[in-house]
N, C-alpha and C. Protein backbone atom coordinates (compact mmCIF):
# COMPACT_ATOMS: atom_id res chain seq x y z
N UNK A 1 -51.13 -87.14 -137.69
CA UNK A 1 -49.73 -87.51 -137.60
C UNK A 1 -49.32 -87.67 -136.13
N UNK A 2 -49.81 -86.77 -135.28
CA UNK A 2 -49.47 -86.84 -133.85
C UNK A 2 -50.00 -88.13 -133.22
N UNK A 3 -51.21 -88.53 -133.62
CA UNK A 3 -51.81 -89.76 -133.10
C UNK A 3 -50.96 -90.97 -133.49
N UNK A 4 -50.44 -90.98 -134.68
CA UNK A 4 -49.62 -92.10 -135.17
C UNK A 4 -48.33 -92.22 -134.36
N UNK A 5 -47.68 -91.10 -134.04
CA UNK A 5 -46.45 -91.12 -133.24
C UNK A 5 -46.74 -91.59 -131.82
N UNK A 6 -47.84 -91.13 -131.25
CA UNK A 6 -48.23 -91.55 -129.91
C UNK A 6 -48.53 -93.04 -129.89
N UNK A 7 -49.24 -93.52 -130.89
CA UNK A 7 -49.56 -94.94 -130.99
C UNK A 7 -48.30 -95.79 -131.09
N UNK A 8 -47.36 -95.39 -131.92
CA UNK A 8 -46.10 -96.14 -132.09
C UNK A 8 -45.31 -96.13 -130.79
N UNK A 9 -45.25 -94.99 -130.12
CA UNK A 9 -44.54 -94.90 -128.84
C UNK A 9 -45.16 -95.84 -127.81
N UNK A 10 -46.49 -95.82 -127.70
CA UNK A 10 -47.17 -96.70 -126.73
C UNK A 10 -46.98 -98.17 -127.09
N UNK A 11 -47.01 -98.49 -128.35
CA UNK A 11 -46.81 -99.86 -128.79
C UNK A 11 -45.41 -100.35 -128.40
N UNK A 12 -44.41 -99.54 -128.64
CA UNK A 12 -43.03 -99.89 -128.28
C UNK A 12 -42.89 -99.99 -126.76
N UNK A 13 -43.46 -99.05 -126.05
CA UNK A 13 -43.37 -99.04 -124.58
C UNK A 13 -43.98 -100.30 -123.97
N UNK A 14 -45.20 -100.65 -124.39
CA UNK A 14 -45.86 -101.83 -123.82
C UNK A 14 -45.19 -103.13 -124.26
N UNK A 15 -44.65 -103.16 -125.45
CA UNK A 15 -43.89 -104.34 -125.89
C UNK A 15 -42.68 -104.54 -124.99
N UNK A 16 -41.98 -103.47 -124.69
CA UNK A 16 -40.82 -103.55 -123.80
C UNK A 16 -41.23 -104.00 -122.40
N UNK A 17 -42.29 -103.44 -121.87
CA UNK A 17 -42.76 -103.80 -120.53
C UNK A 17 -43.13 -105.28 -120.47
N UNK A 18 -43.90 -105.76 -121.45
CA UNK A 18 -44.30 -107.17 -121.45
C UNK A 18 -43.10 -108.09 -121.64
N UNK A 19 -42.11 -107.66 -122.39
CA UNK A 19 -40.89 -108.46 -122.56
C UNK A 19 -40.15 -108.58 -121.24
N UNK A 20 -40.04 -107.48 -120.51
CA UNK A 20 -39.36 -107.51 -119.21
C UNK A 20 -40.12 -108.37 -118.21
N UNK A 21 -41.43 -108.28 -118.22
CA UNK A 21 -42.24 -109.11 -117.32
C UNK A 21 -42.01 -110.58 -117.63
N UNK A 22 -41.94 -110.93 -118.88
CA UNK A 22 -41.68 -112.31 -119.28
C UNK A 22 -40.32 -112.79 -118.82
N UNK A 23 -39.30 -111.96 -118.94
CA UNK A 23 -37.95 -112.34 -118.51
C UNK A 23 -37.92 -112.54 -117.01
N UNK A 24 -38.50 -111.61 -116.25
CA UNK A 24 -38.44 -111.73 -114.80
C UNK A 24 -39.30 -112.88 -114.28
N UNK A 25 -40.46 -113.11 -114.86
CA UNK A 25 -41.30 -114.20 -114.38
C UNK A 25 -40.69 -115.55 -114.73
N UNK A 26 -39.91 -115.60 -115.81
CA UNK A 26 -39.26 -116.85 -116.18
C UNK A 26 -38.16 -117.20 -115.19
N UNK A 27 -37.47 -116.23 -114.66
CA UNK A 27 -36.34 -116.47 -113.77
C UNK A 27 -36.69 -116.41 -112.30
N UNK A 28 -37.93 -116.08 -111.97
CA UNK A 28 -38.27 -115.87 -110.57
C UNK A 28 -38.19 -117.16 -109.76
N UNK A 29 -38.45 -118.29 -110.40
CA UNK A 29 -38.44 -119.55 -109.67
C UNK A 29 -37.16 -120.35 -109.86
N UNK A 30 -36.19 -119.80 -110.55
CA UNK A 30 -34.94 -120.53 -110.73
C UNK A 30 -33.76 -119.60 -110.51
N UNK A 31 -32.77 -120.13 -109.84
CA UNK A 31 -31.55 -119.40 -109.58
C UNK A 31 -30.42 -120.40 -109.73
N UNK A 32 -29.49 -120.10 -110.60
CA UNK A 32 -28.40 -121.03 -110.87
C UNK A 32 -27.21 -120.76 -109.97
N UNK A 33 -26.63 -121.84 -109.45
CA UNK A 33 -25.43 -121.77 -108.64
C UNK A 33 -24.26 -122.33 -109.42
N UNK A 34 -23.11 -121.73 -109.22
CA UNK A 34 -21.86 -122.27 -109.75
C UNK A 34 -21.17 -123.04 -108.63
N UNK A 35 -20.37 -124.02 -108.99
CA UNK A 35 -19.61 -124.79 -108.02
C UNK A 35 -18.81 -123.83 -107.14
N UNK A 36 -18.91 -123.98 -105.84
CA UNK A 36 -18.17 -123.12 -104.92
C UNK A 36 -19.05 -122.09 -104.25
N UNK A 37 -18.49 -120.92 -104.02
CA UNK A 37 -19.15 -119.86 -103.25
C UNK A 37 -20.06 -119.01 -104.13
N UNK A 38 -21.28 -118.80 -103.66
CA UNK A 38 -22.28 -117.96 -104.34
C UNK A 38 -22.91 -117.04 -103.31
N UNK A 39 -23.36 -115.89 -103.77
CA UNK A 39 -24.06 -114.96 -102.89
C UNK A 39 -25.46 -114.75 -103.45
N UNK A 40 -26.46 -114.85 -102.57
CA UNK A 40 -27.84 -114.68 -103.00
C UNK A 40 -28.58 -113.72 -102.08
N UNK A 41 -29.60 -113.13 -102.63
CA UNK A 41 -30.55 -112.32 -101.87
C UNK A 41 -31.91 -112.60 -102.49
N UNK A 42 -32.78 -113.23 -101.74
CA UNK A 42 -34.10 -113.60 -102.24
C UNK A 42 -35.08 -112.50 -101.89
N UNK A 43 -35.78 -112.00 -102.89
CA UNK A 43 -36.76 -110.96 -102.62
C UNK A 43 -38.13 -111.31 -103.17
N UNK A 44 -38.34 -112.61 -103.45
CA UNK A 44 -39.59 -113.01 -104.06
C UNK A 44 -40.23 -114.21 -103.38
N UNK A 45 -39.92 -114.41 -102.13
CA UNK A 45 -40.45 -115.58 -101.45
C UNK A 45 -40.78 -115.26 -99.99
N UNK A 46 -41.58 -116.11 -99.41
CA UNK A 46 -41.88 -115.99 -97.98
C UNK A 46 -40.74 -116.62 -97.19
N UNK A 47 -40.55 -116.22 -95.93
CA UNK A 47 -39.48 -116.82 -95.11
C UNK A 47 -39.66 -118.33 -94.95
N UNK A 48 -38.54 -119.04 -94.87
CA UNK A 48 -38.54 -120.48 -94.65
C UNK A 48 -37.26 -120.87 -93.94
N UNK A 49 -37.25 -122.06 -93.35
CA UNK A 49 -36.08 -122.52 -92.60
C UNK A 49 -35.00 -123.04 -93.54
N UNK A 50 -33.75 -122.81 -93.13
CA UNK A 50 -32.61 -123.22 -93.93
C UNK A 50 -32.58 -124.73 -94.13
N UNK A 51 -33.01 -125.48 -93.13
CA UNK A 51 -33.04 -126.94 -93.24
C UNK A 51 -33.94 -127.40 -94.38
N UNK A 52 -35.06 -126.72 -94.58
CA UNK A 52 -35.96 -127.04 -95.69
C UNK A 52 -35.27 -126.82 -97.02
N UNK A 53 -34.50 -125.76 -97.11
CA UNK A 53 -33.77 -125.46 -98.34
C UNK A 53 -32.70 -126.52 -98.62
N UNK A 54 -32.00 -126.94 -97.58
CA UNK A 54 -30.95 -127.96 -97.72
C UNK A 54 -31.57 -129.29 -98.18
N UNK A 55 -32.72 -129.66 -97.62
CA UNK A 55 -33.37 -130.92 -98.01
C UNK A 55 -33.73 -130.92 -99.49
N UNK A 56 -34.14 -129.78 -100.01
CA UNK A 56 -34.51 -129.68 -101.41
C UNK A 56 -33.30 -129.53 -102.34
N UNK A 57 -32.17 -129.11 -101.76
CA UNK A 57 -30.97 -128.84 -102.55
C UNK A 57 -29.76 -129.50 -101.89
N UNK A 58 -29.62 -130.81 -102.01
CA UNK A 58 -28.54 -131.52 -101.32
C UNK A 58 -27.13 -131.12 -101.77
N UNK A 59 -27.01 -130.42 -102.89
CA UNK A 59 -25.68 -129.97 -103.32
C UNK A 59 -25.18 -128.78 -102.50
N UNK A 60 -26.05 -128.17 -101.72
CA UNK A 60 -25.63 -127.06 -100.85
C UNK A 60 -24.85 -127.64 -99.68
N UNK A 61 -23.65 -127.14 -99.48
CA UNK A 61 -22.81 -127.59 -98.37
C UNK A 61 -22.90 -126.67 -97.17
N UNK A 62 -22.97 -125.35 -97.41
CA UNK A 62 -23.01 -124.36 -96.32
C UNK A 62 -23.87 -123.18 -96.73
N UNK A 63 -24.66 -122.68 -95.78
CA UNK A 63 -25.38 -121.42 -95.96
C UNK A 63 -25.07 -120.57 -94.73
N UNK A 64 -24.70 -119.31 -94.98
CA UNK A 64 -24.40 -118.44 -93.84
C UNK A 64 -24.75 -117.00 -94.17
N UNK A 65 -24.84 -116.21 -93.12
CA UNK A 65 -25.03 -114.76 -93.25
C UNK A 65 -24.32 -114.08 -92.10
N UNK A 66 -24.06 -112.80 -92.25
CA UNK A 66 -23.37 -112.03 -91.21
C UNK A 66 -24.31 -110.98 -90.67
N UNK A 67 -24.35 -110.91 -89.32
CA UNK A 67 -25.19 -109.92 -88.66
C UNK A 67 -24.47 -109.44 -87.42
N UNK A 68 -24.35 -108.15 -87.26
CA UNK A 68 -23.65 -107.56 -86.12
C UNK A 68 -22.25 -108.14 -85.95
N UNK A 69 -21.51 -108.23 -87.05
CA UNK A 69 -20.14 -108.76 -87.07
C UNK A 69 -20.04 -110.20 -86.61
N UNK A 70 -21.14 -110.94 -86.66
CA UNK A 70 -21.15 -112.36 -86.30
C UNK A 70 -21.68 -113.16 -87.48
N UNK A 71 -21.00 -114.23 -87.83
CA UNK A 71 -21.45 -115.10 -88.91
C UNK A 71 -22.27 -116.25 -88.35
N UNK A 72 -23.48 -116.41 -88.87
CA UNK A 72 -24.38 -117.48 -88.48
C UNK A 72 -24.42 -118.44 -89.67
N UNK A 73 -24.26 -119.74 -89.40
CA UNK A 73 -24.22 -120.66 -90.51
C UNK A 73 -24.86 -122.00 -90.23
N UNK A 74 -25.10 -122.73 -91.31
CA UNK A 74 -25.66 -124.07 -91.26
C UNK A 74 -24.86 -124.91 -92.24
N UNK A 75 -24.34 -126.04 -91.77
CA UNK A 75 -23.50 -126.91 -92.58
C UNK A 75 -24.27 -128.20 -92.87
N UNK A 76 -24.27 -128.61 -94.10
CA UNK A 76 -24.99 -129.81 -94.52
C UNK A 76 -24.09 -131.03 -94.35
N UNK A 77 -23.93 -131.47 -93.11
CA UNK A 77 -23.15 -132.66 -92.78
C UNK A 77 -23.75 -133.27 -91.51
N UNK A 78 -23.74 -134.60 -91.41
CA UNK A 78 -24.27 -135.31 -90.25
C UNK A 78 -25.71 -134.90 -89.92
N UNK A 79 -26.52 -134.69 -90.93
CA UNK A 79 -27.91 -134.30 -90.71
C UNK A 79 -28.09 -132.81 -90.45
N UNK A 80 -27.04 -132.05 -90.52
CA UNK A 80 -27.11 -130.60 -90.34
C UNK A 80 -26.49 -130.14 -89.05
N UNK A 81 -25.54 -129.23 -89.16
CA UNK A 81 -24.88 -128.66 -87.98
C UNK A 81 -25.04 -127.16 -88.04
N UNK A 82 -25.40 -126.57 -86.93
CA UNK A 82 -25.56 -125.11 -86.84
C UNK A 82 -27.00 -124.75 -86.55
N UNK A 83 -27.26 -123.46 -86.63
CA UNK A 83 -28.60 -122.94 -86.35
C UNK A 83 -29.52 -123.16 -87.54
N UNK A 84 -30.70 -123.68 -87.29
CA UNK A 84 -31.72 -123.81 -88.34
C UNK A 84 -32.44 -122.47 -88.44
N UNK A 85 -31.72 -121.48 -88.96
CA UNK A 85 -32.25 -120.12 -89.03
C UNK A 85 -33.25 -119.98 -90.16
N UNK A 86 -33.96 -118.87 -90.16
CA UNK A 86 -34.97 -118.59 -91.17
C UNK A 86 -34.35 -117.76 -92.29
N UNK A 87 -34.52 -118.23 -93.52
CA UNK A 87 -34.11 -117.48 -94.70
C UNK A 87 -35.18 -116.42 -94.93
N UNK A 88 -34.77 -115.17 -94.98
CA UNK A 88 -35.72 -114.07 -95.10
C UNK A 88 -35.49 -113.29 -96.38
N UNK A 89 -36.53 -112.59 -96.79
CA UNK A 89 -36.43 -111.72 -97.96
C UNK A 89 -35.40 -110.63 -97.74
N UNK A 90 -34.79 -110.21 -98.82
CA UNK A 90 -33.91 -109.05 -98.85
C UNK A 90 -32.76 -109.12 -97.85
N UNK A 91 -32.29 -110.32 -97.58
CA UNK A 91 -31.14 -110.52 -96.72
C UNK A 91 -30.11 -111.28 -97.54
N UNK A 92 -28.84 -110.91 -97.43
CA UNK A 92 -27.80 -111.55 -98.23
C UNK A 92 -27.25 -112.78 -97.54
N UNK A 93 -27.11 -113.86 -98.33
CA UNK A 93 -26.60 -115.13 -97.82
C UNK A 93 -25.45 -115.60 -98.69
N UNK A 94 -24.50 -116.23 -98.04
CA UNK A 94 -23.41 -116.90 -98.75
C UNK A 94 -23.77 -118.38 -98.82
N UNK A 95 -23.73 -118.93 -100.02
CA UNK A 95 -24.10 -120.33 -100.22
C UNK A 95 -22.94 -121.03 -100.92
N UNK A 96 -22.45 -122.10 -100.31
CA UNK A 96 -21.39 -122.89 -100.93
C UNK A 96 -22.02 -124.18 -101.43
N UNK A 97 -21.85 -124.44 -102.73
CA UNK A 97 -22.45 -125.64 -103.33
C UNK A 97 -21.38 -126.52 -103.95
N UNK A 98 -21.72 -127.78 -104.04
CA UNK A 98 -20.87 -128.79 -104.68
C UNK A 98 -21.43 -129.02 -106.07
N UNK A 99 -20.73 -128.54 -107.08
CA UNK A 99 -21.18 -128.68 -108.46
C UNK A 99 -22.16 -127.58 -108.85
N UNK A 100 -22.34 -127.41 -110.14
CA UNK A 100 -23.31 -126.45 -110.65
C UNK A 100 -24.71 -126.99 -110.42
N UNK A 101 -25.63 -126.14 -110.03
CA UNK A 101 -26.99 -126.59 -109.75
C UNK A 101 -27.97 -125.43 -109.87
N UNK A 102 -29.24 -125.77 -109.85
CA UNK A 102 -30.32 -124.79 -109.87
C UNK A 102 -31.04 -124.86 -108.53
N UNK A 103 -31.23 -123.72 -107.91
CA UNK A 103 -31.87 -123.65 -106.60
C UNK A 103 -33.35 -124.00 -106.70
N UNK A 104 -33.80 -124.88 -105.80
CA UNK A 104 -35.21 -125.22 -105.66
C UNK A 104 -35.67 -124.62 -104.34
N UNK A 105 -36.74 -123.84 -104.39
CA UNK A 105 -37.24 -123.18 -103.19
C UNK A 105 -38.44 -123.92 -102.61
N UNK A 106 -38.55 -123.95 -101.27
CA UNK A 106 -39.73 -124.58 -100.65
C UNK A 106 -40.93 -123.66 -100.76
N UNK A 107 -42.05 -124.22 -101.12
CA UNK A 107 -43.31 -123.47 -101.18
C UNK A 107 -44.38 -124.25 -100.45
N UNK A 108 -45.37 -123.56 -99.95
CA UNK A 108 -46.47 -124.22 -99.24
C UNK A 108 -46.03 -124.68 -97.87
N UNK A 109 -46.68 -125.75 -97.39
CA UNK A 109 -46.36 -126.29 -96.07
C UNK A 109 -44.98 -126.90 -96.07
N UNK A 110 -44.25 -126.68 -94.99
CA UNK A 110 -42.93 -127.23 -94.85
C UNK A 110 -42.68 -127.60 -93.40
N UNK A 111 -41.72 -128.44 -93.18
CA UNK A 111 -41.38 -128.83 -91.80
C UNK A 111 -40.70 -127.66 -91.10
N UNK A 112 -41.03 -127.50 -89.85
CA UNK A 112 -40.40 -126.42 -89.08
C UNK A 112 -39.87 -126.96 -87.81
């Protein structure tokens, strides 16, 4: 009887774990934006330049972050205005987009 309870517990536990892995792996490469201001923190990618992100996501109008009470930003107008800073893991960014969209991330070789 004890073996049966342990087996059922392990079966439920691993089913839950595999379900969670499926949910997270499904959403790891997509992030949905709503029209207007959005806040993101990427923790699943290597660093890349903001200009690369803008090229892949033309609906992004502005990306900025605050550091030491100073706001650093990049505006998607006239080929890009502002610092072409590096988007890093675990850092919070404010992203303003035109229309609802899904974020496309740069992978592999990119222009720097």
